[in-house]
N, C-alpha and C. Protein backbone atom coordinates (compact mmCIF):
# COMPACT_ATOMS: atom_id res chain seq x y z
N MET A 1 23.87 48.97 -27.14
CA MET A 1 24.97 48.80 -26.54
C MET A 1 26.16 50.10 -26.68
N SER A 2 26.48 50.61 -25.84
CA SER A 2 27.47 51.84 -26.26
C SER A 2 28.83 51.67 -26.18
N GLY A 3 29.56 52.48 -26.81
CA GLY A 3 31.06 52.19 -27.24
C GLY A 3 31.95 51.95 -25.95
N PRO A 4 33.04 51.96 -26.10
CA PRO A 4 34.14 51.66 -25.14
C PRO A 4 34.44 52.68 -24.20
N SER A 5 34.69 52.80 -23.14
CA SER A 5 34.68 53.96 -22.25
C SER A 5 35.82 54.74 -22.95
N THR A 6 35.90 56.09 -22.76
CA THR A 6 37.14 56.86 -22.84
C THR A 6 37.68 57.33 -21.45
N ILE A 7 37.37 56.78 -20.28
CA ILE A 7 37.86 57.04 -18.96
C ILE A 7 39.47 56.18 -18.80
N GLU A 8 40.54 57.16 -18.55
CA GLU A 8 41.62 56.37 -18.59
C GLU A 8 42.31 56.46 -17.13
N SER A 9 41.88 57.44 -16.28
CA SER A 9 42.38 57.32 -14.90
C SER A 9 41.47 58.09 -14.01
N VAL A 10 41.82 58.06 -12.63
CA VAL A 10 41.28 59.03 -11.77
C VAL A 10 42.05 60.23 -11.67
N ALA A 11 41.55 61.48 -12.00
CA ALA A 11 42.12 62.82 -12.23
C ALA A 11 42.42 63.14 -10.48
N SER A 12 41.04 63.28 -9.61
CA SER A 12 41.29 63.60 -8.38
C SER A 12 40.26 63.29 -7.47
N VAL A 13 40.64 63.17 -5.94
CA VAL A 13 39.64 62.96 -5.26
C VAL A 13 39.44 64.29 -4.60
N VAL A 14 38.32 64.47 -4.15
CA VAL A 14 37.90 65.66 -3.36
C VAL A 14 37.82 65.42 -1.64
N VAL A 15 38.52 66.22 -0.92
CA VAL A 15 38.67 66.09 0.35
C VAL A 15 38.12 67.63 0.97
N PRO A 16 36.64 67.59 1.30
CA PRO A 16 36.16 68.68 2.13
C PRO A 16 37.24 69.49 3.39
N ILE A 17 37.48 70.82 3.18
CA ILE A 17 37.98 71.48 4.15
C ILE A 17 37.09 72.67 4.34
N THR A 18 37.64 73.09 5.64
CA THR A 18 37.07 74.55 6.16
C THR A 18 38.21 75.75 5.56
N ASP A 19 39.50 75.39 5.36
CA ASP A 19 40.20 76.84 5.50
C ASP A 19 41.19 76.35 4.23
N HIS A 20 41.36 76.73 3.06
CA HIS A 20 42.41 76.22 2.39
C HIS A 20 43.88 76.72 2.78
N ASP A 21 44.13 77.75 3.08
CA ASP A 21 45.28 77.95 3.50
C ASP A 21 45.62 77.15 4.44
N ARG A 22 45.18 77.06 5.39
CA ARG A 22 45.33 76.09 6.42
C ARG A 22 45.63 74.64 5.88
N SER A 23 44.69 74.13 5.07
CA SER A 23 45.24 73.01 4.57
C SER A 23 46.47 72.70 3.80
N ILE A 24 46.61 74.14 2.76
CA ILE A 24 47.77 73.96 1.98
C ILE A 24 49.02 73.88 2.96
N ALA A 25 48.90 74.64 4.23
CA ALA A 25 50.05 74.59 5.03
C ALA A 25 50.48 73.12 5.56
N PHE A 26 49.17 72.26 5.86
CA PHE A 26 49.39 70.82 6.29
C PHE A 26 49.73 70.10 4.96
N TYR A 27 48.95 69.72 3.96
CA TYR A 27 49.35 68.89 3.11
C TYR A 27 50.79 69.23 2.27
N VAL A 28 51.14 70.56 2.04
CA VAL A 28 52.49 70.84 1.63
C VAL A 28 53.25 71.08 2.31
N GLY A 29 53.12 71.85 3.36
CA GLY A 29 54.29 72.32 4.36
C GLY A 29 54.76 71.10 5.28
N THR A 30 53.49 70.23 5.83
CA THR A 30 53.95 69.24 6.86
C THR A 30 53.87 67.86 6.10
N LEU A 31 52.91 67.40 5.08
CA LEU A 31 53.42 66.48 4.47
C LEU A 31 54.17 65.93 3.50
N GLY A 32 54.66 67.18 2.69
CA GLY A 32 55.58 67.15 1.96
C GLY A 32 55.12 67.15 0.62
N PHE A 33 53.57 67.38 0.31
CA PHE A 33 53.11 67.23 -1.06
C PHE A 33 53.30 68.57 -1.97
N ARG A 34 53.04 68.21 -3.20
CA ARG A 34 53.50 69.27 -4.07
C ARG A 34 51.89 70.06 -4.49
N LEU A 35 52.24 71.38 -4.22
CA LEU A 35 50.97 72.16 -4.59
C LEU A 35 50.60 71.99 -6.48
N ARG A 36 49.66 71.48 -7.02
CA ARG A 36 49.61 71.44 -8.09
C ARG A 36 48.67 72.32 -8.73
N ALA A 37 47.67 72.87 -7.85
CA ALA A 37 46.76 73.72 -8.69
C ALA A 37 46.18 75.00 -7.64
N ASP A 38 46.30 76.02 -7.81
CA ASP A 38 45.35 76.78 -6.72
C ASP A 38 45.23 78.07 -7.73
N PHE A 39 43.59 78.10 -7.92
CA PHE A 39 42.93 79.14 -8.68
C PHE A 39 41.72 79.35 -8.52
N SER A 40 41.23 80.71 -8.57
CA SER A 40 39.94 80.85 -8.56
C SER A 40 38.94 81.07 -9.98
N PRO A 41 38.23 79.69 -10.27
CA PRO A 41 37.46 79.75 -11.58
C PRO A 41 36.17 80.84 -11.52
N GLY A 42 35.86 81.23 -10.28
CA GLY A 42 35.01 82.00 -10.35
C GLY A 42 35.06 82.94 -8.78
N PRO A 43 33.95 83.84 -9.02
CA PRO A 43 33.61 84.81 -7.74
C PRO A 43 33.60 83.80 -6.23
N ALA A 44 34.14 83.97 -5.12
CA ALA A 44 33.93 83.50 -4.12
C ALA A 44 34.33 81.63 -4.10
N PHE A 45 35.32 81.77 -5.05
CA PHE A 45 35.55 79.96 -4.93
C PHE A 45 36.88 79.96 -5.55
N ARG A 46 37.32 78.95 -4.80
CA ARG A 46 38.87 78.51 -4.90
C ARG A 46 39.10 76.88 -5.02
N TRP A 47 40.22 76.60 -6.18
CA TRP A 47 39.97 75.13 -6.68
C TRP A 47 41.60 74.93 -5.94
N VAL A 48 41.77 74.28 -5.09
CA VAL A 48 43.27 73.90 -4.85
C VAL A 48 43.21 72.28 -4.95
N GLU A 49 44.66 71.74 -5.49
CA GLU A 49 44.76 70.36 -5.87
C GLU A 49 46.42 70.10 -4.82
N VAL A 50 46.55 68.76 -4.52
CA VAL A 50 47.82 68.90 -3.93
C VAL A 50 47.96 67.27 -4.46
N ALA A 51 49.30 66.64 -4.25
CA ALA A 51 49.46 65.29 -4.39
C ALA A 51 51.02 64.97 -4.20
N PRO A 52 51.30 63.90 -3.81
CA PRO A 52 52.54 63.52 -3.64
C PRO A 52 53.41 63.72 -4.92
N THR A 53 54.73 63.72 -4.56
CA THR A 53 55.31 64.23 -5.91
C THR A 53 55.42 63.39 -7.04
N ASP A 54 55.34 62.46 -7.12
CA ASP A 54 54.97 61.53 -8.42
C ASP A 54 53.72 61.19 -8.71
N ALA A 55 52.90 61.45 -8.14
CA ALA A 55 51.26 60.90 -7.80
C ALA A 55 50.78 61.66 -9.33
N ALA A 56 49.88 60.58 -10.29
CA ALA A 56 49.12 60.71 -11.07
C ALA A 56 47.88 61.46 -10.64
N THR A 57 47.32 60.91 -9.67
CA THR A 57 46.34 61.21 -9.06
C THR A 57 46.52 62.43 -8.06
N THR A 58 45.41 63.44 -8.17
CA THR A 58 45.51 64.78 -6.89
C THR A 58 44.25 64.31 -5.94
N ILE A 59 44.79 65.13 -4.74
CA ILE A 59 43.52 65.62 -3.73
C ILE A 59 43.17 66.97 -3.90
N ALA A 60 42.09 67.24 -4.22
CA ALA A 60 41.25 68.11 -4.48
C ALA A 60 40.81 69.01 -3.20
N LEU A 61 41.36 69.96 -2.44
CA LEU A 61 40.81 70.56 -1.45
C LEU A 61 39.86 71.72 -1.41
N ALA A 62 38.67 70.94 -1.20
CA ALA A 62 37.48 72.18 -1.34
C ALA A 62 36.54 72.26 -0.46
N VAL A 63 36.47 73.68 -0.24
CA VAL A 63 35.24 74.36 0.84
C VAL A 63 33.98 73.87 0.34
N PRO A 64 33.15 72.87 1.00
CA PRO A 64 32.07 72.70 0.74
C PRO A 64 31.19 74.07 0.33
N ARG A 65 30.23 73.81 -0.82
CA ARG A 65 29.33 75.14 -1.36
C ARG A 65 28.12 74.22 -2.29
N GLY A 66 26.98 74.68 -1.89
CA GLY A 66 25.89 74.29 -2.68
C GLY A 66 25.79 72.94 -2.23
N GLY A 67 26.11 71.97 -1.20
CA GLY A 67 25.70 70.63 -1.19
C GLY A 67 26.74 70.06 -1.80
N MET A 68 27.83 70.41 -2.31
CA MET A 68 28.76 69.67 -3.19
C MET A 68 29.98 69.23 -2.08
N TRP A 69 30.40 68.05 -2.02
CA TRP A 69 31.54 67.71 -1.49
C TRP A 69 31.47 66.93 -0.05
N GLY A 70 30.35 67.10 0.42
CA GLY A 70 29.59 66.67 2.02
C GLY A 70 30.49 68.10 2.79
N THR A 71 30.79 67.34 3.74
CA THR A 71 31.43 68.30 5.01
C THR A 71 32.68 67.93 5.46
N ALA A 72 33.62 68.78 5.93
CA ALA A 72 34.62 68.10 6.33
C ALA A 72 34.57 67.30 7.96
N GLY A 73 35.63 66.41 7.96
CA GLY A 73 35.77 66.03 9.23
C GLY A 73 35.22 64.41 9.50
N GLY A 74 35.68 63.79 8.30
CA GLY A 74 35.16 62.40 8.35
C GLY A 74 35.85 61.23 7.59
N GLU A 75 35.78 60.12 7.13
CA GLU A 75 36.39 59.20 6.54
C GLU A 75 36.46 59.94 4.88
N THR A 76 37.77 59.79 4.67
CA THR A 76 37.96 60.03 3.05
C THR A 76 38.04 58.83 2.22
N ASN A 77 38.42 57.59 2.93
CA ASN A 77 38.46 56.53 2.14
C ASN A 77 39.96 56.51 1.10
N ILE A 78 40.52 57.44 1.50
CA ILE A 78 41.99 57.42 0.64
C ILE A 78 42.97 56.80 1.22
N ASN A 79 43.49 55.94 0.60
CA ASN A 79 44.66 54.96 0.85
C ASN A 79 46.33 55.93 0.09
N LEU A 80 46.86 56.23 1.18
CA LEU A 80 48.02 56.67 0.39
C LEU A 80 49.46 55.74 0.48
N ALA A 81 50.03 55.10 -0.65
CA ALA A 81 51.15 54.25 -0.87
C ALA A 81 52.44 54.87 -0.19
N CYS A 82 52.89 54.00 0.73
CA CYS A 82 54.41 54.65 1.11
C CYS A 82 55.36 53.29 1.09
N THR A 83 56.57 53.35 0.80
CA THR A 83 57.48 52.27 0.91
C THR A 83 58.07 51.66 2.23
N ASP A 84 57.87 52.78 3.39
CA ASP A 84 57.99 52.60 4.55
C ASP A 84 57.35 53.06 5.63
N VAL A 85 56.20 52.08 6.14
CA VAL A 85 55.08 52.33 6.81
C VAL A 85 55.54 52.66 8.33
N VAL A 86 56.38 52.37 8.48
CA VAL A 86 56.94 52.45 10.07
C VAL A 86 57.50 53.70 10.03
N GLY A 87 58.65 54.15 9.10
CA GLY A 87 59.36 55.47 9.29
C GLY A 87 58.48 56.38 8.76
N GLU A 88 57.25 56.40 8.09
CA GLU A 88 56.24 57.25 7.90
C GLU A 88 55.61 57.76 8.88
N HIS A 89 55.13 56.71 9.57
CA HIS A 89 54.46 56.75 11.01
C HIS A 89 55.31 57.57 12.01
N VAL A 90 56.60 57.35 12.38
CA VAL A 90 57.37 57.97 13.03
C VAL A 90 57.38 59.16 12.71
N ARG A 91 57.83 59.51 11.33
CA ARG A 91 57.95 61.02 11.00
C ARG A 91 56.88 61.95 11.10
N LEU A 92 55.69 61.20 10.74
CA LEU A 92 54.57 62.17 10.78
C LEU A 92 54.12 62.47 12.37
N ARG A 93 54.25 61.54 13.19
CA ARG A 93 54.18 61.78 14.51
C ARG A 93 54.78 62.59 15.22
N ASN A 94 56.17 62.70 14.78
CA ASN A 94 57.21 63.51 15.18
C ASN A 94 57.05 65.11 14.61
N LEU A 95 56.18 65.28 13.19
CA LEU A 95 55.83 66.24 13.16
C LEU A 95 54.70 66.84 13.74
N GLY A 96 53.77 66.12 14.78
CA GLY A 96 52.51 66.45 15.62
C GLY A 96 51.35 66.42 14.71
N VAL A 97 51.52 65.33 13.81
CA VAL A 97 50.21 64.99 12.94
C VAL A 97 49.51 64.12 13.86
N ASP A 98 48.32 64.09 13.71
CA ASP A 98 47.20 63.30 14.60
C ASP A 98 47.28 61.66 14.05
N VAL A 99 48.33 60.82 14.37
CA VAL A 99 48.44 59.48 13.60
C VAL A 99 47.87 58.63 14.72
N ASP A 100 47.31 57.47 14.21
CA ASP A 100 47.13 56.48 14.86
C ASP A 100 48.13 55.90 16.20
N ALA A 101 48.07 55.37 17.17
CA ALA A 101 48.75 55.30 18.09
C ALA A 101 49.78 54.14 17.43
N GLU A 102 49.47 53.01 16.76
CA GLU A 102 50.08 51.97 16.74
C GLU A 102 49.54 51.37 14.91
N ILE A 103 50.54 51.23 14.44
CA ILE A 103 50.31 50.40 12.97
C ILE A 103 49.42 49.35 13.06
N LEU A 104 48.47 49.04 12.05
CA LEU A 104 47.80 48.16 12.21
C LEU A 104 48.66 46.88 11.33
N ARG A 105 48.40 45.94 11.94
CA ARG A 105 48.93 44.40 10.94
C ARG A 105 48.08 43.52 11.35
N VAL A 106 47.31 43.02 10.10
CA VAL A 106 46.38 42.07 10.17
C VAL A 106 46.79 40.68 10.05
N GLY A 107 47.85 40.72 8.97
CA GLY A 107 48.45 39.42 8.48
C GLY A 107 49.20 39.60 7.32
N ALA A 108 49.86 38.53 6.74
CA ALA A 108 50.55 38.45 5.68
C ALA A 108 50.23 38.97 4.62
N GLU A 109 48.94 38.78 4.17
CA GLU A 109 48.05 38.96 3.00
C GLU A 109 47.67 40.46 2.99
N VAL A 110 47.60 41.32 4.36
CA VAL A 110 47.09 42.61 4.22
C VAL A 110 48.43 43.39 4.52
N PRO A 111 48.53 44.37 3.93
CA PRO A 111 49.91 45.18 4.39
C PRO A 111 49.55 46.04 5.63
N PRO A 112 50.59 46.27 6.09
CA PRO A 112 50.70 47.15 7.43
C PRO A 112 50.06 48.51 7.00
N MET A 113 49.38 49.37 7.92
CA MET A 113 48.87 50.37 7.94
C MET A 113 48.64 51.19 8.94
N PHE A 114 48.25 52.67 9.03
CA PHE A 114 47.89 53.49 9.91
C PHE A 114 46.87 54.65 9.32
N ARG A 115 46.44 55.09 10.17
CA ARG A 115 45.64 56.32 9.91
C ARG A 115 46.13 57.63 10.35
N PHE A 116 45.73 58.74 9.83
CA PHE A 116 45.66 60.24 10.38
C PHE A 116 44.78 60.97 10.17
N ARG A 117 44.81 62.21 10.64
CA ARG A 117 43.61 63.08 10.59
C ARG A 117 44.50 64.63 9.97
N ASP A 118 43.73 65.42 9.01
CA ASP A 118 44.15 66.62 8.89
C ASP A 118 43.74 67.46 9.97
N PRO A 119 43.94 68.86 9.53
CA PRO A 119 43.34 69.74 10.55
C PRO A 119 41.60 69.81 10.46
N ASP A 120 41.31 69.55 9.49
CA ASP A 120 39.59 69.35 9.63
C ASP A 120 39.15 68.03 9.95
N ARG A 121 40.06 67.31 10.45
CA ARG A 121 39.83 65.95 11.05
C ARG A 121 39.31 65.07 10.12
N ASN A 122 39.78 65.04 8.81
CA ASN A 122 39.28 64.05 7.41
C ASN A 122 40.47 62.95 8.02
N VAL A 123 40.02 62.00 7.56
CA VAL A 123 40.91 60.71 7.76
C VAL A 123 41.28 60.11 6.64
N LEU A 124 42.76 60.14 6.64
CA LEU A 124 43.36 59.42 5.40
C LEU A 124 44.24 57.92 6.08
N GLN A 125 44.56 57.29 5.06
CA GLN A 125 45.17 55.95 5.62
C GLN A 125 46.51 56.00 4.67
N VAL A 126 47.58 55.47 5.35
CA VAL A 126 48.92 55.12 4.60
C VAL A 126 48.98 53.64 4.82
N VAL A 127 49.42 53.23 3.65
CA VAL A 127 49.58 51.81 3.48
C VAL A 127 51.06 51.37 2.78
N GLN A 128 51.68 50.39 3.40
CA GLN A 128 52.85 50.00 2.77
C GLN A 128 52.47 49.57 1.59
N THR A 129 53.44 49.68 0.34
CA THR A 129 52.93 49.28 -1.04
C THR A 129 53.37 47.57 -0.79
N ALA A 130 53.18 46.92 -1.77
CA ALA A 130 53.50 45.57 -1.88
C ALA A 130 54.72 45.37 -1.94
N ARG A 131 55.49 46.00 -2.70
CA ARG A 131 56.81 45.50 -3.22
C ARG A 131 57.83 45.84 -1.86
N SER A 132 57.36 46.68 -0.78
CA SER A 132 58.08 46.59 0.07
C SER A 132 57.56 46.11 1.41
N ARG A 133 56.69 45.19 1.42
CA ARG A 133 56.00 44.49 2.57
C ARG A 133 57.00 43.58 3.27
N THR A 134 58.02 43.34 2.91
CA THR A 134 58.96 42.68 3.21
C THR A 134 60.00 43.30 4.47
N MET A 135 59.72 44.39 4.27
CA MET A 135 60.92 45.38 5.14
C MET A 135 60.33 44.77 6.35
N THR A 136 61.28 45.05 7.66
CA THR A 136 61.21 44.92 8.71
C THR A 136 61.63 46.00 9.76
N HIS A 137 61.11 46.34 10.69
CA HIS A 137 61.77 47.45 11.87
C HIS A 137 61.61 47.00 13.13
């Protein structure tokens, strides 16, 4: 039997993209995320990480290379938490972001949510946090 795990958190999730600068403009300029890292660890390689202001986990925006990170334009399975899903849906739609037409409401046990697509058509989901599910709009 091995010893206890030393894993303590999720550091980042990778979203495959095709253009770093365009993705930074979207995630930082449009969504309002913070640029946490932007450097080149080697020739023809760039590593970019973005995240909501107080988030511990980052989203790494990576151009696929050598079979790593799949291809851009699909489900990311990333859920972003927010305190006002209705307000965020309106805000993103008004900024021209490709958001679902309506907020998904399944029932009392499932928080309201909607999906949006980045410039590479990667799909992310915004979910209202548990502490604010009772908000009404």
